[in-house]
């Protein structure tokens, strides 16, 4: 027997597939906070954040007819958000390559009043910017978003072994980059794992 949340999701998917006029708003109300969190943690803030949220829901609404298991709605929406984030990270890399004179500003750190903590978060973003896209996704979903490896594999639409490879390489790169910043280096535990700020 499915938990009630899965039953609610199944009913929502049926309403979306029927074309119920209220269903898109219900989808946004239910999963807007999740999509915001996923995109914020992968991409940071910025002026295009709302555009990426809208893009995620546009893609979900466009493809909802293909969703067969209504109980999998949360994982499905998360996968779409990760795909949107991956595409945006790739666009950013191309823009940095083609327009190297851009300011390279890092995302604004919202809700953090402590200047030292804000500086630490900015430095963390600076290091994340150096990671290849797939490695950054795996690292961010694991250590910033707190996802389990199997959930990361599902969200990235790849095998568990692939996620483990991406994560291992990302950890190595992240640890190496952190050595140049004393506070980030201090956050590395003895096992070489990173403890988020």
C-alpha atoms as a PDB file:
ATOM      1  CA  UNK A   1       0.000   0.000   0.000  1.00  0.00           C
ATOM      2  CA  UNK A   2       1.352   3.453  -0.955  1.00  0.00           C
ATOM      3  CA  UNK A   3       1.743   6.231   1.596  1.00  0.00           C
ATOM      4  CA  UNK A   4      -0.957   8.950   1.392  1.00  0.00           C
ATOM      5  CA  UNK A   5       1.472  11.438  -0.212  1.00  0.00           C
ATOM      6  CA  UNK A   6       1.920   9.037  -3.119  1.00  0.00           C
ATOM      7  CA  UNK A   7      -1.872   8.760  -3.464  1.00  0.00           C
ATOM      8  CA  UNK A   8      -2.117  12.571  -3.519  1.00  0.00           C
ATOM      9  CA  UNK A   9       0.598  12.685  -6.176  1.00  0.00           C
ATOM     10  CA  UNK A  10      -1.184  10.026  -8.239  1.00  0.00           C
ATOM     11  CA  UNK A  11      -4.417  12.043  -8.094  1.00  0.00           C
ATOM     12  CA  UNK A  12      -2.506  15.190  -9.082  1.00  0.00           C
ATOM     13  CA  UNK A  13      -0.925  13.418 -12.059  1.00  0.00           C
ATOM     14  CA  UNK A  14      -4.354  12.166 -13.171  1.00  0.00           C
ATOM     15  CA  UNK A  15      -5.696  15.734 -12.933  1.00  0.00           C
ATOM     16  CA  UNK A  16      -2.748  17.074 -14.935  1.00  0.00           C
ATOM     17  CA  UNK A  17      -3.190  14.428 -17.613  1.00  0.00           C
ATOM     18  CA  UNK A  18      -6.944  15.151 -17.776  1.00  0.00           C
ATOM     19  CA  UNK A  19      -6.205  18.830 -18.327  1.00  0.00           C
ATOM     20  CA  UNK A  20      -7.780  20.048 -15.080  1.00  0.00           C
ATOM     21  CA  UNK A  21      -7.270  23.835 -15.058  1.00  0.00           C
ATOM     22  CA  UNK A  22      -6.317  23.899 -11.345  1.00  0.00           C
ATOM     23  CA  UNK A  23      -3.772  21.081 -11.559  1.00  0.00           C
ATOM     24  CA  UNK A  24      -0.761  23.148 -12.782  1.00  0.00           C
ATOM     25  CA  UNK A  25      -1.190  25.514  -9.830  1.00  0.00           C
ATOM     26  CA  UNK A  26      -1.490  22.541  -7.479  1.00  0.00           C
ATOM     27  CA  UNK A  27       1.719  21.073  -8.939  1.00  0.00           C
ATOM     28  CA  UNK A  28       3.533  24.351  -8.373  1.00  0.00           C
ATOM     29  CA  UNK A  29       2.144  24.712  -4.828  1.00  0.00           C
ATOM     30  CA  UNK A  30       3.204  21.196  -3.933  1.00  0.00           C
ATOM     31  CA  UNK A  31       6.652  21.094  -5.576  1.00  0.00           C
ATOM     32  CA  UNK A  32       7.626  24.749  -5.993  1.00  0.00           C
ATOM     33  CA  UNK A  33       9.601  24.776  -2.721  1.00  0.00           C
ATOM     34  CA  UNK A  34      11.447  21.583  -3.706  1.00  0.00           C
ATOM     35  CA  UNK A  35      12.333  22.909  -7.168  1.00  0.00           C
ATOM     36  CA  UNK A  36      13.459  26.214  -5.663  1.00  0.00           C
ATOM     37  CA  UNK A  37      15.716  24.381  -3.197  1.00  0.00           C
ATOM     38  CA  UNK A  38      17.234  22.057  -5.796  1.00  0.00           C
ATOM     39  CA  UNK A  39      17.983  24.884  -8.226  1.00  0.00           C
ATOM     40  CA  UNK A  40      19.208  27.241  -5.495  1.00  0.00           C
ATOM     41  CA  UNK A  41      21.627  24.655  -4.148  1.00  0.00           C
ATOM     42  CA  UNK A  42      22.970  23.667  -7.544  1.00  0.00           C
ATOM     43  CA  UNK A  43      23.003  27.049  -9.290  1.00  0.00           C
ATOM     44  CA  UNK A  44      22.937  29.578  -6.468  1.00  0.00           C
ATOM     45  CA  UNK A  45      20.734  32.629  -6.587  1.00  0.00           C
ATOM     46  CA  UNK A  46      20.794  35.121  -9.361  1.00  0.00           C
ATOM     47  CA  UNK A  47      18.545  37.078 -11.654  1.00  0.00           C
ATOM     48  CA  UNK A  48      17.646  34.037 -13.755  1.00  0.00           C
ATOM     49  CA  UNK A  49      16.602  31.793 -10.834  1.00  0.00           C
ATOM     50  CA  UNK A  50      12.877  32.353 -11.395  1.00  0.00           C
ATOM     51  CA  UNK A  51      13.342  31.630 -15.110  1.00  0.00           C
ATOM     52  CA  UNK A  52      14.891  28.246 -14.282  1.00  0.00           C
ATOM     53  CA  UNK A  53      12.016  27.456 -11.885  1.00  0.00           C
ATOM     54  CA  UNK A  54       9.500  28.311 -14.600  1.00  0.00           C
ATOM     55  CA  UNK A  55      11.477  26.274 -17.131  1.00  0.00           C
ATOM     56  CA  UNK A  56      11.318  23.264 -14.793  1.00  0.00           C
ATOM     57  CA  UNK A  57       7.541  23.469 -14.437  1.00  0.00           C
ATOM     58  CA  UNK A  58       7.080  24.164 -18.151  1.00  0.00           C
ATOM     59  CA  UNK A  59       9.052  20.989 -18.945  1.00  0.00           C
ATOM     60  CA  UNK A  60       7.060  19.026 -16.362  1.00  0.00           C
ATOM     61  CA  UNK A  61       3.723  20.189 -17.748  1.00  0.00           C
ATOM     62  CA  UNK A  62       4.855  19.515 -21.318  1.00  0.00           C
ATOM     63  CA  UNK A  63       5.922  15.948 -20.490  1.00  0.00           C
ATOM     64  CA  UNK A  64       3.363  14.923 -17.859  1.00  0.00           C
ATOM     65  CA  UNK A  65       1.499  12.719 -20.336  1.00  0.00           C
ATOM     66  CA  UNK A  66       4.523  10.396 -20.348  1.00  0.00           C
ATOM     67  CA  UNK A  67       4.510   9.912 -16.552  1.00  0.00           C
ATOM     68  CA  UNK A  68       3.077   6.448 -15.886  1.00  0.00           C
ATOM     69  CA  UNK A  69       3.533   6.163 -12.105  1.00  0.00           C
ATOM     70  CA  UNK A  70       1.835   9.050 -10.335  1.00  0.00           C
ATOM     71  CA  UNK A  71       3.453   7.987  -7.072  1.00  0.00           C
ATOM     72  CA  UNK A  72       6.849   8.854  -8.570  1.00  0.00           C
ATOM     73  CA  UNK A  73       5.926  12.511  -9.146  1.00  0.00           C
ATOM     74  CA  UNK A  74       8.386  13.950  -6.615  1.00  0.00           C
ATOM     75  CA  UNK A  75      11.364  12.050  -8.058  1.00  0.00           C
ATOM     76  CA  UNK A  76      10.242  12.904 -11.592  1.00  0.00           C
ATOM     77  CA  UNK A  77      10.001  16.653 -10.843  1.00  0.00           C
ATOM     78  CA  UNK A  78      13.416  16.503  -9.124  1.00  0.00           C
ATOM     79  CA  UNK A  79      14.905  14.843 -12.216  1.00  0.00           C
ATOM     80  CA  UNK A  80      13.535  17.615 -14.417  1.00  0.00           C
ATOM     81  CA  UNK A  81      14.947  20.294 -12.083  1.00  0.00           C
ATOM     82  CA  UNK A  82      18.360  18.608 -12.203  1.00  0.00           C
ATOM     83  CA  UNK A  83      18.196  18.467 -16.022  1.00  0.00           C
ATOM     84  CA  UNK A  84      17.358  22.188 -16.133  1.00  0.00           C
ATOM     85  CA  UNK A  85      20.246  22.919 -13.741  1.00  0.00           C
ATOM     86  CA  UNK A  86      22.647  20.801 -15.825  1.00  0.00           C
ATOM     87  CA  UNK A  87      21.676  22.682 -18.991  1.00  0.00           C
ATOM     88  CA  UNK A  88      22.156  26.025 -17.233  1.00  0.00           C
ATOM     89  CA  UNK A  89      25.582  25.016 -15.898  1.00  0.00           C
ATOM     90  CA  UNK A  90      26.621  24.045 -19.413  1.00  0.00           C
ATOM     91  CA  UNK A  91      25.338  27.368 -20.801  1.00  0.00           C
ATOM     92  CA  UNK A  92      27.331  29.198 -18.138  1.00  0.00           C
ATOM     93  CA  UNK A  93      30.513  27.341 -19.078  1.00  0.00           C
ATOM     94  CA  UNK A  94      30.010  28.232 -22.741  1.00  0.00           C
ATOM     95  CA  UNK A  95      29.343  31.880 -21.853  1.00  0.00           C
ATOM     96  CA  UNK A  96      32.508  32.023 -19.728  1.00  0.00           C
ATOM     97  CA  UNK A  97      34.477  30.494 -22.599  1.00  0.00           C
ATOM     98  CA  UNK A  98      33.039  32.789 -25.266  1.00  0.00           C
ATOM     99  CA  UNK A  99      32.853  35.900 -23.086  1.00  0.00           C
ATOM    100  CA  UNK A 100      35.889  35.692 -20.799  1.00  0.00           C
ATOM    101  CA  UNK A 101      35.630  39.389 -19.998  1.00  0.00           C
ATOM    102  CA  UNK A 102      32.369  38.970 -18.083  1.00  0.00           C
ATOM    103  CA  UNK A 103      32.533  39.850 -14.424  1.00  0.00           C
ATOM    104  CA  UNK A 104      32.334  36.254 -13.219  1.00  0.00           C
ATOM    105  CA  UNK A 105      30.234  37.386 -10.287  1.00  0.00           C
ATOM    106  CA  UNK A 106      29.243  34.668  -7.883  1.00  0.00           C
ATOM    107  CA  UNK A 107      25.682  34.231  -6.677  1.00  0.00           C
ATOM    108  CA  UNK A 108      24.568  36.493  -3.871  1.00  0.00           C
ATOM    109  CA  UNK A 109      24.392  34.672  -0.542  1.00  0.00           C
ATOM    110  CA  UNK A 110      20.894  35.293   0.716  1.00  0.00           C
ATOM    111  CA  UNK A 111      20.020  35.353   4.394  1.00  0.00           C
ATOM    112  CA  UNK A 112      23.577  35.328   5.703  1.00  0.00           C
ATOM    113  CA  UNK A 113      24.496  38.340   7.880  1.00  0.00           C
ATOM    114  CA  UNK A 114      27.870  37.113   9.127  1.00  0.00           C
ATOM    115  CA  UNK A 115      30.571  38.486   6.761  1.00  0.00           C
ATOM    116  CA  UNK A 116      32.925  35.573   7.508  1.00  0.00           C
ATOM    117  CA  UNK A 117      30.226  33.004   6.723  1.00  0.00           C
ATOM    118  CA  UNK A 118      29.244  34.916   3.584  1.00  0.00           C
ATOM    119  CA  UNK A 119      32.889  34.914   2.448  1.00  0.00           C
ATOM    120  CA  UNK A 120      33.125  31.179   3.125  1.00  0.00           C
ATOM    121  CA  UNK A 121      30.008  30.501   1.072  1.00  0.00           C
ATOM    122  CA  UNK A 122      31.306  32.642  -1.783  1.00  0.00           C
ATOM    123  CA  UNK A 123      34.590  30.741  -1.733  1.00  0.00           C
ATOM    124  CA  UNK A 124      32.654  27.458  -1.760  1.00  0.00           C
ATOM    125  CA  UNK A 125      30.766  28.629  -4.880  1.00  0.00           C
ATOM    126  CA  UNK A 126      34.062  29.658  -6.464  1.00  0.00           C
ATOM    127  CA  UNK A 127      35.389  26.124  -5.978  1.00  0.00           C
ATOM    128  CA  UNK A 128      32.143  24.551  -7.240  1.00  0.00           C
ATOM    129  CA  UNK A 129      32.417  26.665 -10.406  1.00  0.00           C
ATOM    130  CA  UNK A 130      35.675  24.858 -11.243  1.00  0.00           C
ATOM    131  CA  UNK A 131      34.092  21.385 -11.249  1.00  0.00           C
ATOM    132  CA  UNK A 132      32.884  19.717 -14.455  1.00  0.00           C
ATOM    133  CA  UNK A 133      29.091  19.909 -14.727  1.00  0.00           C
ATOM    134  CA  UNK A 134      28.196  16.288 -13.901  1.00  0.00           C
ATOM    135  CA  UNK A 135      30.665  16.152 -11.023  1.00  0.00           C
ATOM    136  CA  UNK A 136      29.295  19.406  -9.659  1.00  0.00           C
ATOM    137  CA  UNK A 137      25.748  18.054  -9.853  1.00  0.00           C
ATOM    138  CA  UNK A 138      26.671  14.884  -7.963  1.00  0.00           C
ATOM    139  CA  UNK A 139      28.681  16.797  -5.342  1.00  0.00           C
ATOM    140  CA  UNK A 140      26.005  19.436  -4.801  1.00  0.00           C
ATOM    141  CA  UNK A 141      23.135  16.972  -4.621  1.00  0.00           C
ATOM    142  CA  UNK A 142      25.080  14.836  -2.140  1.00  0.00           C
ATOM    143  CA  UNK A 143      26.702  17.399   0.151  1.00  0.00           C
ATOM    144  CA  UNK A 144      24.579  20.499  -0.222  1.00  0.00           C
ATOM    145  CA  UNK A 145      21.158  18.974  -0.847  1.00  0.00           C
ATOM    146  CA  UNK A 146      21.786  15.841   1.277  1.00  0.00           C
ATOM    147  CA  UNK A 147      20.471  13.328  -1.258  1.00  0.00           C
ATOM    148  CA  UNK A 148      21.132   9.599  -1.118  1.00  0.00           C
ATOM    149  CA  UNK A 149      23.274   8.118  -3.907  1.00  0.00           C
ATOM    150  CA  UNK A 150      20.383   6.170  -5.422  1.00  0.00           C
ATOM    151  CA  UNK A 151      18.261   9.345  -5.522  1.00  0.00           C
ATOM    152  CA  UNK A 152      21.116  11.236  -7.194  1.00  0.00           C
ATOM    153  CA  UNK A 153      21.393   8.507  -9.825  1.00  0.00           C
ATOM    154  CA  UNK A 154      17.656   8.744 -10.481  1.00  0.00           C
ATOM    155  CA  UNK A 155      17.735  12.561 -10.619  1.00  0.00           C
ATOM    156  CA  UNK A 156      20.717  12.541 -12.991  1.00  0.00           C
ATOM    157  CA  UNK A 157      19.219   9.719 -15.059  1.00  0.00           C
ATOM    158  CA  UNK A 158      22.342   7.570 -14.826  1.00  0.00           C
ATOM    159  CA  UNK A 159      23.621   4.487 -13.044  1.00  0.00           C
ATOM    160  CA  UNK A 160      24.679   4.363  -9.408  1.00  0.00           C
ATOM    161  CA  UNK A 161      28.218   3.458 -10.536  1.00  0.00           C
ATOM    162  CA  UNK A 162      28.372   6.596 -12.687  1.00  0.00           C
ATOM    163  CA  UNK A 163      27.263   8.780  -9.771  1.00  0.00           C
ATOM    164  CA  UNK A 164      29.914   7.187  -7.554  1.00  0.00           C
ATOM    165  CA  UNK A 165      32.595   7.945 -10.177  1.00  0.00           C
ATOM    166  CA  UNK A 166      31.430  11.554 -10.564  1.00  0.00           C
ATOM    167  CA  UNK A 167      31.315  11.993  -6.817  1.00  0.00           C
ATOM    168  CA  UNK A 168      34.774  10.494  -6.247  1.00  0.00           C
ATOM    169  CA  UNK A 169      36.323  12.790  -8.863  1.00  0.00           C
ATOM    170  CA  UNK A 170      34.412  15.808  -7.555  1.00  0.00           C
ATOM    171  CA  UNK A 171      35.576  15.122  -4.010  1.00  0.00           C
ATOM    172  CA  UNK A 172      39.199  14.884  -5.161  1.00  0.00           C
ATOM    173  CA  UNK A 173      38.963  18.127  -7.126  1.00  0.00           C
ATOM    174  CA  UNK A 174      37.104  19.898  -4.331  1.00  0.00           C
ATOM    175  CA  UNK A 175      39.604  18.810  -1.679  1.00  0.00           C
ATOM    176  CA  UNK A 176      42.515  19.931  -3.864  1.00  0.00           C
ATOM    177  CA  UNK A 177      40.909  23.343  -4.463  1.00  0.00           C
ATOM    178  CA  UNK A 178      40.080  23.774  -0.778  1.00  0.00           C
ATOM    179  CA  UNK A 179      43.730  23.489   0.204  1.00  0.00           C
ATOM    180  CA  UNK A 180      44.266  27.036  -1.065  1.00  0.00           C
ATOM    181  CA  UNK A 181      41.601  28.435   1.292  1.00  0.00           C
ATOM    182  CA  UNK A 182      42.359  27.837   4.999  1.00  0.00           C
ATOM    183  CA  UNK A 183      38.753  27.949   6.238  1.00  0.00           C
ATOM    184  CA  UNK A 184      37.506  25.529   3.580  1.00  0.00           C
ATOM    185  CA  UNK A 185      40.478  23.247   4.244  1.00  0.00           C
ATOM    186  CA  UNK A 186      39.559  23.244   7.929  1.00  0.00           C
ATOM    187  CA  UNK A 187      36.077  22.007   7.043  1.00  0.00           C
ATOM    188  CA  UNK A 188      37.513  18.855   5.503  1.00  0.00           C
ATOM    189  CA  UNK A 189      37.284  16.015   7.972  1.00  0.00           C
ATOM    190  CA  UNK A 190      40.079  13.536   8.547  1.00  0.00           C
ATOM    191  CA  UNK A 191      38.482  11.190   6.042  1.00  0.00           C
ATOM    192  CA  UNK A 192      38.772  13.784   3.311  1.00  0.00           C
ATOM    193  CA  UNK A 193      35.031  14.529   3.346  1.00  0.00           C
ATOM    194  CA  UNK A 194      33.664  18.030   3.096  1.00  0.00           C
ATOM    195  CA  UNK A 195      31.473  19.514   5.815  1.00  0.00           C
ATOM    196  CA  UNK A 196      29.230  22.236   4.326  1.00  0.00           C
ATOM    197  CA  UNK A 197      29.335  25.706   5.941  1.00  0.00           C
END
